[in-house]
Amino acid sequence: SSPLTPDEDLHESDLNLDSKNLRQPRSDESSRTGAIRKQVDRVIAVVLGSAAYDGIKSYFPGSSRQATQPCEESESGYVSSSDDTDTLILILEGKRLRPIDRQIGNSGLFEQFIDWVAPEVNQVAPHHGEPLLVQTTLDLRLQRTAIDTIQPLLPSRAEGVLTTIDRSGAVHAMVGGIGTSAGHGLAIDALREAGSAWRVFVCAEAFTSGIAAGWNFMDGPVRVDGWDVPQTRYAGLINLRTAFAYSKNSVFVGLGVAGGYDRAKGFSRIEKIARHFGISTPISTHPSMPLGTSKVRIIEMARAFAILSAHGKWIDPFGVTKMTTLDGTVVYERKAQPDRVVISADIVRDMTDILQSAAVSGSAKPAMLDRPMAGLAGTSLSSADGWFLGFSSGLTTCVWMGNPDGDAVSLSEGRIPAQAFGTYMRFATGSLPREKFETLLKLPDLTFGL
């Protein structure tokens, strides 16, 4: 059965998450003081709600809440209040979009998120010459935790990105550009090799073709068009669940080339399902394609896993929920989007099942949570890219670490990204209800020399 909605095609515009750097150089901050501060204070309280008001008040110098409820300062250097409901609020003045008050610290820590939402804001802004308040989805607690998790784990010469999306598409954390000077833009536009994380699409296509997780495949040396599949250890006859959990290259290349009979047809089917998961970048036709040698955007990989978390429903990641003028007039408010199923329920169930197995195996073990989760670790053939992607309790998080210039870095076969995922997600899901999946955890077969 097809995982795709039979009467609906995805268009290129659906898949395009490109954004331009629309932010302008910082200008003199001193020209905006008392009058605008009072207007902002009043509008937050009246228009955006009391929770947002309480949170933002803690960032105002000399405010009463700041005196009675001190803010906490993280190792990353920006200040966040202890209010659990805090989200980032921006102000647009002319062409400049920035955090509403400098008391939250270094706005560079939000730079990639601000760059990403700028086009969304500017769709509304040209119609309003006056300053606008922009309420975003970015959770300051999660952003702080993401930064403080990624920074100490980064190997030398490595960069790190972490993005969290919920089932509605709201982006709650977006961290990047904190490891090296070459990191700017990684979270948004940079193209990175998917590596063995790409096997999620190969496996989804296999399930679409009627293959089941318990089917057996030969894990042994494989050559395709004179190219030897890179792998050093072989397990012989193993089932797909085990091959997926331990990223057995030979099995996934075999699946990709349709058993050796029709590589073009097999690759075309994998490409089709990757497109329905939201991958918009060019896809390689080299025999190594099933091993993730195609380059992808990090946010698109995050969306692919968020679609599984959302039970196969299409997701458009977004970062802005509301925009108002300083007199309280609402100029934009995001509306709920109609459901559009792009991956069928049976494929979502099969993929969640096999991702549960992968999440507790091999290099993924450091990512384990105290609740049901599904995910996988992945590395590129060049060792320049390491991934962990997974979801639990309605949140999907993608961690990428690697070298922006393409040089190999030591990521312990994906264990370091997995460790970052686990540390961060234990905090992010700590106050959320535990959710069970439709399928129970099944361990891969451990009787082979893997």
Protein backbone atom coordinates (compact mmCIF):
# COMPACT_ATOMS: atom_id res chain seq x y z
CA SER A 1 0.00 0.00 0.00
CA SER A 2 1.17 3.52 -0.73
CA PRO A 3 2.08 5.77 2.22
CA LEU A 4 1.15 8.82 0.17
CA THR A 5 -2.11 10.64 -0.11
CA PRO A 6 -3.41 9.40 -3.50
CA ASP A 7 -5.21 12.58 -4.52
CA GLU A 8 -2.62 15.12 -3.46
CA ASP A 9 0.80 16.06 -4.78
CA LEU A 10 3.38 18.17 -2.99
CA HIS A 11 4.63 21.21 -4.82
CA GLU A 12 8.11 22.72 -4.76
CA SER A 13 6.74 25.68 -2.80
CA ASP A 14 5.63 23.30 -0.04
CA LEU A 15 9.19 22.06 0.40
CA ASN A 16 11.12 25.33 0.19
CA LEU A 17 12.42 26.42 3.58
CA ASP A 18 15.08 28.74 2.19
CA SER A 19 15.37 32.09 3.93
CA LYS A 20 17.40 35.15 3.12
CA ASN A 21 19.42 37.05 5.66
CA LEU A 22 17.18 40.08 6.02
CA ARG A 23 18.60 41.36 9.29
CA GLN A 24 20.32 44.75 9.19
CA PRO A 25 23.44 45.88 11.05
CA ARG A 26 22.82 47.01 14.62
CA SER A 27 22.25 50.76 15.01
CA ASP A 28 22.49 53.05 18.03
CA GLU A 29 20.29 51.62 20.80
CA SER A 30 20.06 54.87 22.77
CA SER A 31 17.32 56.53 20.70
CA ARG A 32 14.58 54.21 22.00
CA THR A 33 13.89 54.54 25.74
CA GLY A 34 11.05 55.51 28.10
CA ALA A 35 8.02 56.12 25.86
CA ILE A 36 8.32 52.95 23.78
CA ARG A 37 9.16 50.94 26.91
CA LYS A 38 5.88 51.97 28.54
CA GLN A 39 3.89 51.16 25.40
CA VAL A 40 5.56 47.78 25.08
CA ASP A 41 4.91 47.00 28.75
CA ARG A 42 1.21 47.82 28.41
CA VAL A 43 0.69 45.93 25.13
CA ILE A 44 2.35 42.76 26.41
CA ALA A 45 0.11 42.75 29.47
CA VAL A 46 -3.12 43.53 27.64
CA VAL A 47 -2.69 41.95 24.20
CA LEU A 48 -0.23 39.11 24.56
CA GLY A 49 -1.45 37.90 27.94
CA SER A 50 -0.42 37.93 31.56
CA ALA A 51 2.00 34.99 31.28
CA ALA A 52 4.00 36.74 28.56
CA TYR A 53 3.84 39.97 30.59
CA ASP A 54 5.19 38.29 33.72
CA GLY A 55 8.04 36.72 31.79
CA ILE A 56 9.08 39.83 29.90
CA LYS A 57 8.87 42.05 33.00
CA SER A 58 11.74 40.08 34.46
CA TYR A 59 13.96 41.34 31.63
CA PHE A 60 13.23 45.04 32.17
CA PRO A 61 15.89 46.91 34.15
CA GLY A 62 14.54 48.10 37.47
CA SER A 63 11.24 46.25 37.24
CA SER A 64 9.52 45.14 40.43
CA ARG A 65 9.54 41.48 39.37
CA GLN A 66 13.25 41.61 38.75
CA ALA A 67 13.75 42.77 42.33
CA THR A 68 11.56 40.10 43.91
CA GLN A 69 12.27 37.16 41.61
CA PRO A 70 15.88 37.14 40.41
CA CYS A 71 16.63 35.77 36.97
CA GLU A 72 18.91 32.81 36.44
CA GLU A 73 22.03 33.23 34.34
CA SER A 74 23.17 30.25 32.27
CA GLU A 75 26.72 29.34 31.39
CA SER A 76 25.99 30.46 27.84
CA GLY A 77 25.74 34.05 29.02
CA TYR A 78 22.16 35.12 28.61
CA VAL A 79 19.58 35.70 31.29
CA SER A 80 16.32 33.81 31.53
CA SER A 81 13.63 34.19 34.14
CA SER A 82 12.41 31.21 36.11
CA ASP A 83 8.93 31.59 34.59
CA ASP A 84 8.26 28.36 32.72
CA THR A 85 6.04 30.07 30.14
CA ASP A 86 8.63 32.46 28.71
CA THR A 87 8.83 32.73 24.94
CA LEU A 88 10.96 35.09 22.92
CA ILE A 89 9.23 38.35 21.94
CA LEU A 90 10.78 40.51 19.23
CA ILE A 91 10.25 44.09 18.14
CA LEU A 92 10.43 45.20 14.51
CA GLU A 93 11.57 48.81 14.00
CA GLY A 94 12.03 49.72 10.36
CA LYS A 95 13.91 46.78 8.87
CA ARG A 96 15.50 45.75 12.15
CA LEU A 97 14.15 42.77 14.09
CA ARG A 98 15.55 42.20 17.58
CA PRO A 99 14.63 40.88 21.04
CA ILE A 100 12.31 43.28 22.84
CA ASP A 101 14.79 44.13 25.55
CA ARG A 102 18.55 43.80 25.74
CA GLN A 103 18.30 42.59 29.34
CA ILE A 104 17.81 39.05 28.01
CA GLY A 105 21.45 39.17 27.06
CA ASN A 106 23.35 38.58 23.83
CA SER A 107 20.83 38.65 21.00
CA GLY A 108 23.35 36.71 18.90
CA LEU A 109 22.19 33.60 20.74
CA PHE A 110 18.88 33.99 18.90
CA GLU A 111 20.44 35.13 15.65
CA GLN A 112 19.67 32.11 13.49
CA PHE A 113 16.09 31.92 14.73
CA ILE A 114 15.60 35.64 14.05
CA ASP A 115 17.08 35.24 10.57
CA TRP A 116 14.71 32.35 9.96
CA VAL A 117 11.52 34.17 11.03
CA ALA A 118 12.47 37.44 9.30
CA PRO A 119 10.81 36.54 5.97
CA GLU A 120 7.63 35.52 7.82
CA VAL A 121 7.59 38.84 9.67
CA ASN A 122 8.34 40.86 6.54
CA GLN A 123 5.32 39.39 4.74
CA VAL A 124 3.23 41.49 7.14
CA ALA A 125 5.62 44.33 7.96
CA PRO A 126 5.59 46.18 4.58
CA HIS A 127 1.97 47.16 5.26
CA HIS A 128 2.81 48.78 8.60
CA GLY A 129 5.34 51.57 8.92
CA GLU A 130 5.18 51.67 12.71
CA PRO A 131 7.03 49.37 15.14
CA LEU A 132 5.52 45.91 15.64
CA LEU A 133 5.70 43.44 18.51
CA VAL A 134 6.31 39.87 17.36
CA GLN A 135 5.37 36.96 19.61
CA THR A 136 7.38 33.86 18.67
CA THR A 137 7.32 30.16 19.46
CA LEU A 138 10.88 30.07 20.81
CA ASP A 139 10.94 28.77 24.40
CA LEU A 140 13.67 30.59 26.30
CA ARG A 141 14.13 27.71 28.75
CA LEU A 142 14.62 25.21 25.94
CA GLN A 143 16.92 27.56 24.01
CA ARG A 144 19.09 28.03 27.09
CA THR A 145 19.18 24.29 27.77
CA ALA A 146 20.01 23.52 24.13
CA ILE A 147 22.96 25.90 24.13
CA ASP A 148 24.27 24.69 27.49
CA THR A 149 23.94 21.09 26.31
CA ILE A 150 25.65 21.47 22.94
CA GLN A 151 28.57 23.69 23.89
CA PRO A 152 30.49 21.41 26.28
CA LEU A 153 30.07 18.35 24.05
CA LEU A 154 31.43 19.81 20.81
CA PRO A 155 34.71 18.23 19.68
CA SER A 156 37.53 20.41 18.42
CA ARG A 157 36.78 22.12 15.09
CA ALA A 158 33.15 21.02 15.29
CA GLU A 159 29.89 22.93 15.11
CA GLY A 160 26.55 21.98 16.61
CA VAL A 161 22.89 22.54 15.72
CA LEU A 162 19.78 21.63 17.72
CA THR A 163 16.21 22.21 16.55
CA THR A 164 12.99 21.27 18.35
CA ILE A 165 9.57 21.18 16.65
CA ASP A 166 6.19 20.15 18.01
CA ARG A 167 3.36 18.46 16.12
CA SER A 168 1.85 21.78 15.05
CA GLY A 169 5.13 22.82 13.44
CA ALA A 170 6.02 25.37 16.14
CA VAL A 171 9.79 25.67 16.55
CA HIS A 172 10.63 25.79 20.27
CA ALA A 173 14.43 25.82 20.01
CA MET A 174 16.88 26.61 17.23
CA VAL A 175 20.55 26.64 18.12
CA GLY A 176 23.46 26.91 15.71
CA GLY A 177 26.61 28.87 15.10
CA ILE A 178 28.03 28.43 18.60
CA GLY A 179 31.03 26.22 17.93
CA THR A 180 33.10 27.82 15.18
CA SER A 181 33.19 31.04 13.17
CA ALA A 182 31.92 29.05 10.18
CA GLY A 183 28.69 28.09 11.93
CA HIS A 184 26.44 30.98 10.86
CA GLY A 185 23.39 29.79 8.92
CA LEU A 186 23.87 26.10 9.65
CA ALA A 187 20.48 25.72 11.32
CA ILE A 188 18.68 27.27 8.36
CA ASP A 189 20.29 26.91 4.95
CA ALA A 190 23.45 24.82 5.20
CA LEU A 191 23.50 21.55 3.25
CA ARG A 192 24.92 18.56 5.14
CA GLU A 193 25.25 14.88 4.28
CA ALA A 194 22.42 12.90 5.83
CA GLY A 195 24.68 9.90 6.34
CA SER A 196 23.11 6.82 7.86
CA ALA A 197 20.18 8.91 9.14
CA TRP A 198 18.97 8.61 5.52
CA ARG A 199 18.05 5.00 6.17
CA VAL A 200 14.76 6.25 7.61
CA PHE A 201 13.63 6.94 4.02
CA VAL A 202 15.04 3.68 2.65
CA CYS A 203 13.20 1.75 5.33
CA ALA A 204 9.96 3.69 4.82
CA GLU A 205 10.07 2.80 1.12
CA ALA A 206 10.72 -0.85 2.01
CA PHE A 207 7.61 -0.90 4.21
CA THR A 208 5.67 0.76 1.39
CA SER A 209 6.72 -2.11 -0.89
CA GLY A 210 5.38 -4.68 1.56
CA ILE A 211 8.58 -5.62 3.37
CA ALA A 212 8.26 -6.17 7.14
CA ALA A 213 10.70 -5.57 10.01
CA GLY A 214 11.05 -9.31 10.57
CA TRP A 215 12.16 -10.15 7.03
CA ASN A 216 15.69 -11.53 6.73
CA PHE A 217 18.45 -10.09 4.55
CA MET A 218 22.05 -11.10 3.93
CA ASP A 219 24.58 -8.80 5.54
CA GLY A 220 27.74 -9.43 3.52
CA PRO A 221 30.10 -7.76 1.03
CA VAL A 222 28.28 -5.92 -1.77
CA ARG A 223 29.61 -4.37 -4.98
CA VAL A 224 27.49 -2.15 -7.21
CA ASP A 225 28.84 -0.93 -10.57
CA GLY A 226 32.39 -1.46 -9.39
CA TRP A 227 31.83 0.35 -6.08
CA ASP A 228 32.39 -1.65 -2.88
CA VAL A 229 29.97 -0.82 -0.08
CA PRO A 230 32.03 0.41 2.91
CA GLN A 231 31.62 -1.96 5.87
CA THR A 232 34.10 -3.91 7.99
CA ARG A 233 31.96 -6.37 9.99
CA TYR A 234 29.21 -8.64 8.70
CA ALA A 235 26.53 -10.55 10.56
CA GLY A 236 25.25 -12.89 7.87
CA LEU A 237 21.51 -13.43 7.72
CA ILE A 238 19.76 -10.78 9.87
CA ASN A 239 16.30 -9.24 9.95
CA LEU A 240 15.53 -5.69 8.88
CA ARG A 241 14.96 -4.51 12.46
CA THR A 242 18.50 -5.50 13.40
CA ALA A 243 20.00 -4.09 10.20
CA PHE A 244 18.23 -0.78 10.85
CA ALA A 245 19.26 -0.59 14.52
CA TYR A 246 22.93 -1.25 13.72
CA SER A 247 23.05 0.61 10.39
CA LYS A 248 24.23 -2.28 8.24
CA ASN A 249 25.27 -0.59 5.00
CA SER A 250 25.14 -3.69 2.82
CA VAL A 251 21.48 -4.33 3.61
CA PHE A 252 20.38 -0.77 2.85
CA VAL A 253 22.30 -0.54 -0.41
CA GLY A 254 20.68 -3.86 -1.36
CA LEU A 255 17.25 -2.44 -0.57
CA GLY A 256 18.03 0.71 -2.52
CA VAL A 257 19.06 -1.07 -5.70
CA ALA A 258 15.88 -3.18 -5.57
CA GLY A 259 17.71 -6.42 -4.99
CA GLY A 260 20.14 -5.68 -7.80
CA TYR A 261 17.49 -5.76 -10.49
CA ASP A 262 16.62 -2.10 -11.10
CA ARG A 263 18.65 0.58 -9.33
CA ALA A 264 16.96 3.48 -11.13
CA LYS A 265 13.53 2.25 -10.09
CA GLY A 266 14.61 1.62 -6.50
CA PHE A 267 16.24 5.03 -6.17
CA SER A 268 13.20 6.72 -7.69
CA ARG A 269 10.93 5.17 -5.07
CA ILE A 270 13.24 6.29 -2.24
CA GLU A 271 13.36 9.81 -3.68
CA LYS A 272 9.56 9.94 -3.93
CA ILE A 273 9.03 9.07 -0.29
CA ALA A 274 11.81 11.46 0.85
CA ARG A 275 9.96 14.25 -0.98
CA HIS A 276 6.76 13.41 0.87
CA PHE A 277 8.71 13.65 4.12
CA GLY A 278 9.70 17.18 3.09
CA ILE A 279 13.20 16.78 1.64
CA SER A 280 13.59 19.40 -1.11
CA THR A 281 17.30 19.20 -1.97
CA PRO A 282 18.79 17.28 -4.94
CA ILE A 283 19.14 13.53 -4.36
CA SER A 284 22.18 11.60 -5.58
CA THR A 285 21.92 8.81 -8.15
CA HIS A 286 25.27 7.24 -7.18
CA PRO A 287 25.07 3.68 -5.78
CA SER A 288 25.91 5.19 -2.36
CA MET A 289 22.61 7.12 -2.25
CA PRO A 290 20.97 4.71 0.27
CA LEU A 291 23.83 5.52 2.67
CA GLY A 292 22.91 9.20 2.78
CA THR A 293 25.48 10.79 0.49
CA SER A 294 22.85 13.33 -0.59
CA LYS A 295 22.97 16.68 1.18
CA VAL A 296 19.99 17.92 3.18
CA ARG A 297 18.93 20.89 5.25
CA ILE A 298 18.95 20.22 8.98
CA ILE A 299 15.50 21.72 9.52
CA GLU A 300 14.07 19.48 6.79
CA MET A 301 15.41 16.37 8.54
CA ALA A 302 13.81 17.64 11.75
CA ARG A 303 10.52 18.09 9.90
CA ALA A 304 10.67 14.56 8.48
CA PHE A 305 10.75 13.08 11.99
CA ALA A 306 8.13 15.57 13.21
CA ILE A 307 5.80 14.24 10.48
CA LEU A 308 6.13 10.78 12.01
CA SER A 309 5.44 12.22 15.46
CA ALA A 310 2.37 13.97 14.00
CA HIS A 311 0.97 10.63 12.77
CA GLY A 312 1.86 11.30 9.14
CA LYS A 313 0.40 14.81 8.89
CA TRP A 314 2.24 17.44 6.86
CA ILE A 315 4.08 20.06 8.91
CA ASP A 316 5.13 23.58 7.98
CA PRO A 317 7.65 24.73 10.62
CA PHE A 318 6.82 28.23 11.89
CA GLY A 319 8.17 30.67 14.46
CA VAL A 320 5.63 33.51 14.73
CA THR A 321 2.25 33.28 16.42
CA LYS A 322 1.14 36.92 16.72
CA MET A 323 2.09 40.45 15.68
CA THR A 324 0.68 43.70 17.12
CA THR A 325 1.28 47.41 16.84
CA LEU A 326 2.34 49.29 19.97
CA ASP A 327 -1.23 50.49 20.53
CA GLY A 328 -2.39 46.87 20.75
CA THR A 329 -3.86 46.40 17.25
CA VAL A 330 -3.44 42.79 16.09
CA VAL A 331 -2.01 42.79 12.56
CA TYR A 332 -1.33 39.07 12.31
CA GLU A 333 -2.34 35.96 14.23
CA ARG A 334 -1.51 32.49 13.06
CA LYS A 335 -4.48 30.25 12.40
CA ALA A 336 -4.57 26.48 12.80
CA GLN A 337 -3.72 24.75 9.53
CA PRO A 338 -5.97 22.05 8.03
CA ASP A 339 -4.68 18.50 8.38
CA ARG A 340 -3.03 17.02 5.31
CA VAL A 341 -1.90 13.40 5.63
CA VAL A 342 1.19 12.63 3.54
CA ILE A 343 2.34 9.36 5.14
CA SER A 344 -0.21 6.64 5.82
CA ALA A 345 -0.98 5.37 9.32
CA ASP A 346 0.43 1.88 8.71
CA ILE A 347 3.78 3.24 7.52
CA VAL A 348 3.93 5.65 10.48
CA ARG A 349 3.25 2.73 12.83
CA ASP A 350 5.91 0.52 11.20
CA MET A 351 8.49 3.33 11.21
CA THR A 352 7.78 4.25 14.84
CA ASP A 353 8.14 0.59 15.75
CA ILE A 354 11.54 0.21 14.13
CA LEU A 355 12.74 3.60 15.40
CA GLN A 356 11.93 2.50 18.95
CA SER A 357 14.31 -0.42 18.45
CA ALA A 358 17.03 1.79 16.99
CA ALA A 359 16.76 4.27 19.86
CA VAL A 360 17.98 1.73 22.44
CA SER A 361 20.71 0.11 20.35
CA GLY A 362 24.37 0.68 19.63
CA SER A 363 25.51 4.29 19.44
CA ALA A 364 21.97 5.55 20.18
CA LYS A 365 21.99 4.33 23.78
CA PRO A 366 23.13 7.68 25.31
CA ALA A 367 19.90 9.22 23.98
CA MET A 368 17.59 6.99 26.01
CA LEU A 369 14.84 8.71 27.99
CA ASP A 370 12.69 7.64 30.94
CA ARG A 371 9.66 7.43 28.64
CA PRO A 372 8.76 5.97 25.23
CA MET A 373 10.86 7.48 22.45
CA ALA A 374 11.71 6.75 18.83
CA GLY A 375 14.86 7.86 17.06
CA LEU A 376 18.14 6.98 15.44
CA ALA A 377 21.79 7.99 15.28
CA GLY A 378 23.58 8.55 12.00
CA THR A 379 27.00 9.50 10.65
CA SER A 380 28.23 10.36 7.16
CA LEU A 381 30.77 8.26 5.28
CA SER A 382 33.26 11.14 5.55
CA SER A 383 32.77 11.41 9.35
CA ALA A 384 32.12 15.14 8.90
CA ASP A 385 28.49 14.82 9.99
CA GLY A 386 26.85 13.17 12.99
CA TRP A 387 23.12 13.11 13.75
CA PHE A 388 20.56 12.12 16.29
CA LEU A 389 16.90 12.58 15.44
CA GLY A 390 13.99 11.45 17.54
CA PHE A 391 10.64 12.22 19.13
CA SER A 392 8.87 11.70 22.43
CA SER A 393 5.83 13.21 24.17
CA GLY A 394 4.94 15.35 21.16
CA LEU A 395 8.37 16.98 20.73
CA THR A 396 10.79 16.20 17.89
CA THR A 397 14.44 17.17 18.24
CA CYS A 398 17.22 17.03 15.67
CA VAL A 399 20.85 17.25 16.79
CA TRP A 400 23.58 17.67 14.20
CA MET A 401 27.30 17.95 14.94
CA GLY A 402 30.12 18.14 12.46
CA ASN A 403 32.68 20.21 10.66
CA PRO A 404 31.25 22.97 8.43
CA ASP A 405 34.22 22.63 6.06
CA GLY A 406 33.68 18.90 5.56
CA ASP A 407 36.71 17.65 7.52
CA ALA A 408 36.32 14.53 9.65
CA VAL A 409 35.63 15.02 13.35
CA SER A 410 35.49 12.50 16.18
CA LEU A 411 31.86 11.97 17.19
CA SER A 412 32.26 8.47 18.67
CA GLU A 413 30.18 6.92 15.87
CA GLY A 414 27.26 9.21 16.65
CA ARG A 415 27.31 8.76 20.43
CA ILE A 416 28.05 12.44 21.11
CA PRO A 417 24.99 13.74 19.22
CA ALA A 418 22.98 11.01 20.96
CA GLN A 419 24.26 12.17 24.34
CA ALA A 420 23.27 15.76 23.54
CA PHE A 421 19.79 14.62 22.49
CA GLY A 422 19.30 12.62 25.67
CA THR A 423 20.48 15.37 28.02
CA TYR A 424 18.35 18.01 26.32
CA MET A 425 15.20 15.94 25.82
CA ARG A 426 15.16 14.71 29.41
CA PHE A 427 14.74 18.35 30.38
CA ALA A 428 12.42 19.30 27.49
CA THR A 429 9.95 16.46 28.16
CA GLY A 430 10.26 16.47 31.94
CA SER A 431 7.03 18.39 32.55
CA LEU A 432 5.09 16.81 29.66
CA PRO A 433 2.68 13.87 29.95
CA ARG A 434 4.18 10.51 29.07
CA GLU A 435 2.83 9.27 25.75
CA LYS A 436 2.71 5.66 24.66
CA PHE A 437 3.19 4.55 21.07
CA GLU A 438 0.85 2.15 19.33
CA THR A 439 3.61 -0.46 19.25
CA LEU A 440 5.60 -1.85 22.17
CA LEU A 441 9.38 -1.71 22.19
CA LYS A 442 10.97 -4.72 20.44
CA LEU A 443 14.70 -5.21 20.81
CA PRO A 444 16.78 -6.09 17.73
CA ASP A 445 18.33 -9.53 17.53
CA LEU A 446 21.59 -9.43 19.51
CA THR A 447 22.78 -12.97 18.77
CA PHE A 448 25.00 -11.94 15.86
CA GLY A 449 28.52 -10.56 15.93
CA LEU A 450 27.42 -6.95 15.34
